[in-house]
Amino acid sequence: MSDHGNVTEAELASAAVAPRVTEDAAEQNIASEHYFTAADGVIGEANSRSELVESYPSSLGLLTICVLVLQNGFTVIGQSACASPLNFNKEIGQRLARTDAKGKVWAFMGYELRSKLQREATEPQASKEEQA
């Protein structure tokens, strides 16, 4: 996620004085990515049951979904939808959905880092108390 409200990754890195999740680390944590529209999902689910889809709301074709599979097998989804079918652009929808999903990866990695830092901060204290 290179935007960060117009803050660049370089600015974040230069201001950091402690461990942080980098854009590159978030990117490297992605093992694979998969895209489909909600309409594709409806059709695929029906096909898996050997059924034909008679009809579905056309707006399902405007909802793009990105599934990111992380290195540990965890999955994260992002989505993008446009209001008018005239504005639908498959490539842009996929990029926006991926950006949404990657933001969630970043948040999960930030949570994981914060948990690690908290454990490290409390472990020395626990060791001192055990020695007393």
N, C-alpha and C. Protein backbone atom coordinates (compact mmCIF):
# COMPACT_ATOMS: atom_id res chain seq x y z
N MET A 1 0.86 -1.17 0.00
CA MET A 1 0.00 0.00 0.00
C MET A 1 0.90 1.22 0.00
N SER A 2 1.09 1.78 -1.11
CA SER A 2 2.07 2.83 -1.24
C SER A 2 1.53 4.22 -0.97
N ASP A 3 0.23 4.38 -0.76
CA ASP A 3 -0.31 5.72 -0.60
C ASP A 3 -0.27 6.18 0.85
N HIS A 4 -0.85 5.47 1.77
CA HIS A 4 -0.87 5.83 3.19
C HIS A 4 -1.29 7.28 3.41
N GLY A 5 -2.30 7.75 2.71
CA GLY A 5 -2.69 9.15 2.86
C GLY A 5 -1.60 10.07 2.37
N ASN A 6 -0.99 9.75 1.26
CA ASN A 6 0.08 10.53 0.64
C ASN A 6 1.39 10.49 1.41
N VAL A 7 1.56 9.54 2.30
CA VAL A 7 2.83 9.32 2.97
C VAL A 7 3.50 8.15 2.26
N THR A 8 4.75 8.32 1.86
CA THR A 8 5.42 7.28 1.11
C THR A 8 6.07 6.26 2.04
N GLU A 9 6.34 5.09 1.49
CA GLU A 9 7.04 4.04 2.24
C GLU A 9 8.40 4.56 2.70
N ALA A 10 9.08 5.34 1.87
CA ALA A 10 10.39 5.90 2.24
C ALA A 10 10.27 6.82 3.45
N GLU A 11 9.22 7.63 3.50
CA GLU A 11 9.00 8.51 4.65
C GLU A 11 8.76 7.70 5.92
N LEU A 12 7.94 6.66 5.79
CA LEU A 12 7.66 5.80 6.95
C LEU A 12 8.94 5.14 7.44
N ALA A 13 9.74 4.63 6.52
CA ALA A 13 10.98 3.95 6.89
C ALA A 13 11.96 4.92 7.55
N SER A 14 12.08 6.13 7.02
CA SER A 14 13.04 7.08 7.59
C SER A 14 12.60 7.58 8.97
N ALA A 15 11.31 7.57 9.23
CA ALA A 15 10.81 8.04 10.52
C ALA A 15 10.76 6.93 11.57
N ALA A 16 10.90 5.69 11.15
CA ALA A 16 10.76 4.57 12.08
C ALA A 16 11.96 4.47 13.01
N VAL A 17 11.68 4.30 14.28
CA VAL A 17 12.73 4.10 15.28
C VAL A 17 12.55 2.75 15.99
N ALA A 18 11.59 1.97 15.53
CA ALA A 18 11.30 0.67 16.11
C ALA A 18 10.87 -0.27 14.98
N PRO A 19 10.78 -1.56 15.28
CA PRO A 19 10.33 -2.49 14.23
C PRO A 19 8.97 -2.08 13.69
N ARG A 20 8.77 -2.32 12.40
CA ARG A 20 7.50 -2.01 11.75
C ARG A 20 7.28 -2.98 10.61
N VAL A 21 6.05 -3.06 10.17
CA VAL A 21 5.71 -3.89 9.02
C VAL A 21 5.93 -3.03 7.77
N THR A 22 6.75 -3.52 6.88
CA THR A 22 7.03 -2.78 5.66
C THR A 22 6.11 -3.25 4.54
N GLU A 23 6.00 -2.41 3.52
CA GLU A 23 5.22 -2.78 2.36
C GLU A 23 5.80 -4.03 1.71
N ASP A 24 7.11 -4.11 1.64
CA ASP A 24 7.77 -5.26 1.05
C ASP A 24 7.47 -6.53 1.85
N ALA A 25 7.48 -6.44 3.17
CA ALA A 25 7.18 -7.61 4.01
C ALA A 25 5.75 -8.08 3.79
N ALA A 26 4.82 -7.15 3.68
CA ALA A 26 3.43 -7.52 3.42
C ALA A 26 3.33 -8.20 2.07
N GLU A 27 4.01 -7.65 1.09
CA GLU A 27 3.99 -8.22 -0.27
C GLU A 27 4.60 -9.62 -0.27
N GLN A 28 5.70 -9.80 0.42
CA GLN A 28 6.37 -11.10 0.46
C GLN A 28 5.56 -12.15 1.22
N ASN A 29 4.64 -11.72 2.05
CA ASN A 29 3.80 -12.64 2.81
C ASN A 29 2.69 -13.24 1.95
N ILE A 30 2.48 -12.71 0.76
CA ILE A 30 1.43 -13.20 -0.13
C ILE A 30 1.96 -14.35 -0.96
N ALA A 31 1.36 -15.54 -0.79
CA ALA A 31 1.78 -16.72 -1.54
C ALA A 31 1.09 -16.79 -2.90
N SER A 32 -0.19 -16.43 -2.94
CA SER A 32 -0.93 -16.44 -4.22
C SER A 32 -2.11 -15.50 -4.12
N GLU A 33 -2.64 -15.12 -5.28
CA GLU A 33 -3.79 -14.23 -5.33
C GLU A 33 -4.78 -14.74 -6.37
N HIS A 34 -6.07 -14.54 -6.08
CA HIS A 34 -7.14 -15.08 -6.91
C HIS A 34 -8.24 -14.04 -7.03
N TYR A 35 -8.79 -13.89 -8.25
CA TYR A 35 -9.80 -12.87 -8.52
C TYR A 35 -11.03 -13.48 -9.14
N PHE A 36 -12.18 -12.93 -8.79
CA PHE A 36 -13.44 -13.32 -9.42
C PHE A 36 -14.48 -12.28 -9.06
N THR A 37 -15.56 -12.28 -9.82
CA THR A 37 -16.68 -11.42 -9.44
C THR A 37 -17.66 -12.24 -8.62
N ALA A 38 -18.55 -11.57 -7.94
CA ALA A 38 -19.57 -12.28 -7.19
C ALA A 38 -20.44 -13.12 -8.13
N ALA A 39 -20.64 -12.65 -9.36
CA ALA A 39 -21.38 -13.44 -10.35
C ALA A 39 -20.63 -14.72 -10.68
N ASP A 40 -19.31 -14.63 -10.82
CA ASP A 40 -18.50 -15.84 -11.05
C ASP A 40 -18.68 -16.82 -9.89
N GLY A 41 -18.74 -16.30 -8.67
CA GLY A 41 -18.93 -17.14 -7.50
C GLY A 41 -20.27 -17.84 -7.50
N VAL A 42 -21.32 -17.12 -7.86
CA VAL A 42 -22.67 -17.71 -7.92
C VAL A 42 -22.70 -18.81 -8.97
N ILE A 43 -22.13 -18.54 -10.13
CA ILE A 43 -22.12 -19.52 -11.22
C ILE A 43 -21.26 -20.74 -10.84
N GLY A 44 -20.09 -20.48 -10.28
CA GLY A 44 -19.21 -21.58 -9.87
C GLY A 44 -19.82 -22.44 -8.79
N GLU A 45 -20.48 -21.83 -7.83
CA GLU A 45 -21.12 -22.59 -6.76
C GLU A 45 -22.23 -23.46 -7.33
N ALA A 46 -23.02 -22.92 -8.22
CA ALA A 46 -24.10 -23.70 -8.85
C ALA A 46 -23.52 -24.85 -9.67
N ASN A 47 -22.45 -24.58 -10.42
CA ASN A 47 -21.80 -25.62 -11.21
C ASN A 47 -21.27 -26.74 -10.33
N SER A 48 -20.78 -26.40 -9.14
CA SER A 48 -20.25 -27.42 -8.24
C SER A 48 -21.34 -28.38 -7.79
N ARG A 49 -22.59 -27.94 -7.86
CA ARG A 49 -23.74 -28.79 -7.52
C ARG A 49 -24.43 -29.31 -8.77
N SER A 50 -23.77 -29.16 -9.92
CA SER A 50 -24.32 -29.58 -11.22
C SER A 50 -25.67 -28.95 -11.50
N GLU A 51 -25.81 -27.69 -11.12
CA GLU A 51 -27.04 -26.95 -11.38
C GLU A 51 -26.75 -25.80 -12.33
N LEU A 52 -27.76 -25.38 -13.03
CA LEU A 52 -27.65 -24.20 -13.88
C LEU A 52 -28.20 -23.00 -13.14
N VAL A 53 -27.59 -21.86 -13.36
CA VAL A 53 -28.08 -20.63 -12.75
C VAL A 53 -29.09 -20.01 -13.70
N GLU A 54 -30.31 -19.93 -13.24
CA GLU A 54 -31.37 -19.34 -14.07
C GLU A 54 -31.18 -17.83 -14.19
N SER A 55 -30.96 -17.19 -13.05
CA SER A 55 -30.75 -15.75 -13.05
C SER A 55 -30.12 -15.33 -11.73
N TYR A 56 -29.54 -14.17 -11.76
CA TYR A 56 -28.96 -13.56 -10.55
C TYR A 56 -28.90 -12.06 -10.81
N PRO A 57 -28.83 -11.28 -9.75
CA PRO A 57 -28.78 -9.82 -9.94
C PRO A 57 -27.54 -9.43 -10.76
N SER A 58 -27.71 -8.63 -11.75
CA SER A 58 -26.59 -8.22 -12.60
C SER A 58 -25.52 -7.46 -11.81
N SER A 59 -25.90 -6.86 -10.71
CA SER A 59 -24.94 -6.11 -9.90
C SER A 59 -23.86 -7.02 -9.31
N LEU A 60 -24.10 -8.34 -9.25
CA LEU A 60 -23.07 -9.25 -8.75
C LEU A 60 -21.85 -9.26 -9.67
N GLY A 61 -22.06 -8.92 -10.92
CA GLY A 61 -20.95 -8.83 -11.86
C GLY A 61 -20.09 -7.59 -11.67
N LEU A 62 -20.54 -6.68 -10.83
CA LEU A 62 -19.82 -5.43 -10.57
C LEU A 62 -18.98 -5.51 -9.28
N LEU A 63 -19.14 -6.60 -8.54
CA LEU A 63 -18.40 -6.79 -7.28
C LEU A 63 -17.21 -7.69 -7.55
N THR A 64 -16.02 -7.13 -7.49
CA THR A 64 -14.79 -7.88 -7.70
C THR A 64 -14.21 -8.28 -6.36
N ILE A 65 -13.81 -9.53 -6.27
CA ILE A 65 -13.25 -10.08 -5.03
C ILE A 65 -11.83 -10.55 -5.30
N CYS A 66 -10.95 -10.24 -4.37
CA CYS A 66 -9.57 -10.72 -4.41
C CYS A 66 -9.34 -11.57 -3.17
N VAL A 67 -8.85 -12.76 -3.36
CA VAL A 67 -8.48 -13.62 -2.24
C VAL A 67 -6.96 -13.74 -2.25
N LEU A 68 -6.34 -13.32 -1.17
CA LEU A 68 -4.90 -13.48 -1.02
C LEU A 68 -4.66 -14.65 -0.08
N VAL A 69 -3.83 -15.59 -0.52
CA VAL A 69 -3.42 -16.70 0.33
C VAL A 69 -2.04 -16.34 0.86
N LEU A 70 -1.90 -16.30 2.18
CA LEU A 70 -0.64 -15.91 2.79
C LEU A 70 0.30 -17.11 2.92
N GLN A 71 1.54 -16.84 3.22
CA GLN A 71 2.56 -17.90 3.31
C GLN A 71 2.17 -18.99 4.31
N ASN A 72 1.44 -18.63 5.37
CA ASN A 72 1.05 -19.63 6.36
C ASN A 72 -0.28 -20.31 6.03
N GLY A 73 -0.85 -19.99 4.87
CA GLY A 73 -2.10 -20.61 4.44
C GLY A 73 -3.35 -19.82 4.80
N PHE A 74 -3.23 -18.79 5.62
CA PHE A 74 -4.37 -17.96 5.99
C PHE A 74 -4.85 -17.20 4.76
N THR A 75 -6.15 -17.01 4.64
CA THR A 75 -6.70 -16.30 3.50
C THR A 75 -7.29 -14.97 3.93
N VAL A 76 -7.15 -13.98 3.07
CA VAL A 76 -7.66 -12.63 3.30
C VAL A 76 -8.39 -12.20 2.03
N ILE A 77 -9.55 -11.56 2.20
CA ILE A 77 -10.28 -11.10 1.03
C ILE A 77 -10.36 -9.58 0.98
N GLY A 78 -10.41 -9.07 -0.23
CA GLY A 78 -10.64 -7.65 -0.47
C GLY A 78 -11.72 -7.55 -1.53
N GLN A 79 -12.34 -6.42 -1.60
CA GLN A 79 -13.41 -6.25 -2.57
C GLN A 79 -13.42 -4.86 -3.16
N SER A 80 -14.05 -4.78 -4.32
CA SER A 80 -14.24 -3.51 -5.00
C SER A 80 -15.54 -3.60 -5.78
N ALA A 81 -16.32 -2.55 -5.74
CA ALA A 81 -17.58 -2.53 -6.48
C ALA A 81 -17.77 -1.15 -7.09
N CYS A 82 -18.39 -1.12 -8.24
CA CYS A 82 -18.71 0.18 -8.83
C CYS A 82 -20.23 0.33 -8.89
N ALA A 83 -20.68 1.54 -8.88
CA ALA A 83 -22.11 1.82 -8.84
C ALA A 83 -22.79 1.65 -10.18
N SER A 84 -22.08 1.94 -11.25
CA SER A 84 -22.68 1.87 -12.59
C SER A 84 -21.96 0.82 -13.43
N PRO A 85 -22.71 -0.03 -14.11
CA PRO A 85 -22.08 -0.99 -15.01
C PRO A 85 -21.26 -0.31 -16.11
N LEU A 86 -21.58 0.92 -16.43
CA LEU A 86 -20.83 1.63 -17.45
C LEU A 86 -19.40 1.94 -17.00
N ASN A 87 -19.18 1.97 -15.69
CA ASN A 87 -17.85 2.26 -15.16
C ASN A 87 -17.04 1.02 -14.85
N PHE A 88 -17.62 -0.17 -15.01
CA PHE A 88 -16.91 -1.39 -14.63
C PHE A 88 -15.69 -1.59 -15.51
N ASN A 89 -14.56 -1.83 -14.86
CA ASN A 89 -13.30 -2.12 -15.53
C ASN A 89 -12.66 -3.25 -14.76
N LYS A 90 -12.54 -4.41 -15.38
CA LYS A 90 -12.04 -5.60 -14.70
C LYS A 90 -10.68 -5.36 -14.04
N GLU A 91 -9.74 -4.80 -14.79
CA GLU A 91 -8.38 -4.60 -14.27
C GLU A 91 -8.37 -3.64 -13.08
N ILE A 92 -9.08 -2.55 -13.19
CA ILE A 92 -9.13 -1.57 -12.09
C ILE A 92 -9.82 -2.20 -10.89
N GLY A 93 -10.90 -2.92 -11.10
CA GLY A 93 -11.59 -3.59 -10.01
C GLY A 93 -10.68 -4.57 -9.28
N GLN A 94 -9.88 -5.31 -10.04
CA GLN A 94 -8.96 -6.26 -9.41
C GLN A 94 -7.88 -5.54 -8.62
N ARG A 95 -7.36 -4.45 -9.16
CA ARG A 95 -6.33 -3.69 -8.43
C ARG A 95 -6.88 -3.11 -7.14
N LEU A 96 -8.10 -2.56 -7.21
CA LEU A 96 -8.71 -1.99 -6.01
C LEU A 96 -9.02 -3.07 -4.97
N ALA A 97 -9.50 -4.22 -5.42
CA ALA A 97 -9.79 -5.32 -4.49
C ALA A 97 -8.50 -5.83 -3.85
N ARG A 98 -7.42 -5.89 -4.61
CA ARG A 98 -6.14 -6.34 -4.06
C ARG A 98 -5.62 -5.34 -3.03
N THR A 99 -5.75 -4.07 -3.33
CA THR A 99 -5.32 -3.03 -2.38
C THR A 99 -6.10 -3.17 -1.07
N ASP A 100 -7.40 -3.42 -1.18
CA ASP A 100 -8.23 -3.62 0.01
C ASP A 100 -7.75 -4.84 0.80
N ALA A 101 -7.49 -5.94 0.11
CA ALA A 101 -7.03 -7.16 0.79
C ALA A 101 -5.64 -6.95 1.39
N LYS A 102 -4.76 -6.29 0.67
CA LYS A 102 -3.40 -6.08 1.17
C LYS A 102 -3.40 -5.21 2.42
N GLY A 103 -4.33 -4.26 2.49
CA GLY A 103 -4.46 -3.46 3.71
C GLY A 103 -4.79 -4.32 4.92
N LYS A 104 -5.58 -5.36 4.69
CA LYS A 104 -5.92 -6.28 5.79
C LYS A 104 -4.71 -7.12 6.17
N VAL A 105 -3.93 -7.54 5.17
CA VAL A 105 -2.69 -8.28 5.45
C VAL A 105 -1.78 -7.43 6.32
N TRP A 106 -1.65 -6.17 5.94
CA TRP A 106 -0.80 -5.23 6.69
C TRP A 106 -1.28 -5.13 8.14
N ALA A 107 -2.58 -5.03 8.33
CA ALA A 107 -3.13 -4.93 9.68
C ALA A 107 -2.87 -6.20 10.49
N PHE A 108 -3.05 -7.36 9.86
CA PHE A 108 -2.78 -8.62 10.57
C PHE A 108 -1.31 -8.73 10.94
N MET A 109 -0.44 -8.33 10.02
CA MET A 109 0.99 -8.39 10.31
C MET A 109 1.37 -7.39 11.39
N GLY A 110 0.71 -6.23 11.40
CA GLY A 110 0.95 -5.26 12.47
C GLY A 110 0.52 -5.80 13.81
N TYR A 111 -0.62 -6.48 13.85
CA TYR A 111 -1.09 -7.11 15.09
C TYR A 111 -0.09 -8.16 15.57
N GLU A 112 0.38 -8.97 14.62
CA GLU A 112 1.34 -10.02 14.96
C GLU A 112 2.63 -9.41 15.51
N LEU A 113 3.12 -8.35 14.88
CA LEU A 113 4.33 -7.69 15.36
C LEU A 113 4.11 -7.09 16.74
N ARG A 114 2.96 -6.45 16.95
CA ARG A 114 2.68 -5.85 18.26
C ARG A 114 2.63 -6.92 19.35
N SER A 115 2.04 -8.07 19.05
CA SER A 115 1.99 -9.17 20.01
C SER A 115 3.39 -9.66 20.35
N LYS A 116 4.24 -9.78 19.33
CA LYS A 116 5.62 -10.21 19.53
C LYS A 116 6.37 -9.20 20.40
N LEU A 117 6.21 -7.92 20.11
CA LEU A 117 6.88 -6.89 20.90
C LEU A 117 6.40 -6.90 22.35
N GLN A 118 5.11 -7.12 22.54
CA GLN A 118 4.56 -7.18 23.90
C GLN A 118 5.14 -8.38 24.65
N ARG A 119 5.22 -9.53 24.00
CA ARG A 119 5.80 -10.72 24.64
C ARG A 119 7.25 -10.45 25.03
N GLU A 120 8.00 -9.85 24.11
CA GLU A 120 9.41 -9.56 24.39
C GLU A 120 9.56 -8.58 25.54
N ALA A 121 8.64 -7.63 25.65
CA ALA A 121 8.71 -6.64 26.72
C ALA A 121 8.38 -7.25 28.07
N THR A 122 7.53 -8.25 28.10
CA THR A 122 7.12 -8.84 29.38
C THR A 122 7.96 -10.05 29.78
N GLU A 123 8.65 -10.69 28.84
CA GLU A 123 9.46 -11.86 29.17
C GLU A 123 10.61 -11.54 30.12
N PRO A 124 11.38 -10.47 29.90
CA PRO A 124 12.45 -10.17 30.86
C PRO A 124 11.89 -9.92 32.27
N GLN A 125 10.74 -9.26 32.36
CA GLN A 125 10.12 -9.01 33.66
C GLN A 125 9.74 -10.33 34.32
N ALA A 126 9.17 -11.24 33.56
CA ALA A 126 8.77 -12.54 34.12
C ALA A 126 9.99 -13.32 34.57
N SER A 127 11.10 -13.25 33.83
CA SER A 127 12.34 -13.95 34.21
C SER A 127 12.88 -13.40 35.51
N LYS A 128 12.86 -12.06 35.69
CA LYS A 128 13.35 -11.43 36.92
C LYS A 128 12.53 -11.86 38.11
N GLU A 129 11.21 -11.95 37.93
CA GLU A 129 10.33 -12.33 39.03
C GLU A 129 10.55 -13.80 39.41
N GLU A 130 10.86 -14.66 38.43
CA GLU A 130 11.10 -16.06 38.71
C GLU A 130 12.39 -16.23 39.48
N GLN A 131 13.41 -15.38 39.22
CA GLN A 131 14.70 -15.50 39.88
C GLN A 131 14.64 -15.01 41.32
N ALA A 132 13.69 -14.17 41.64
CA ALA A 132 13.61 -13.59 42.99
C ALA A 132 13.12 -14.57 44.02
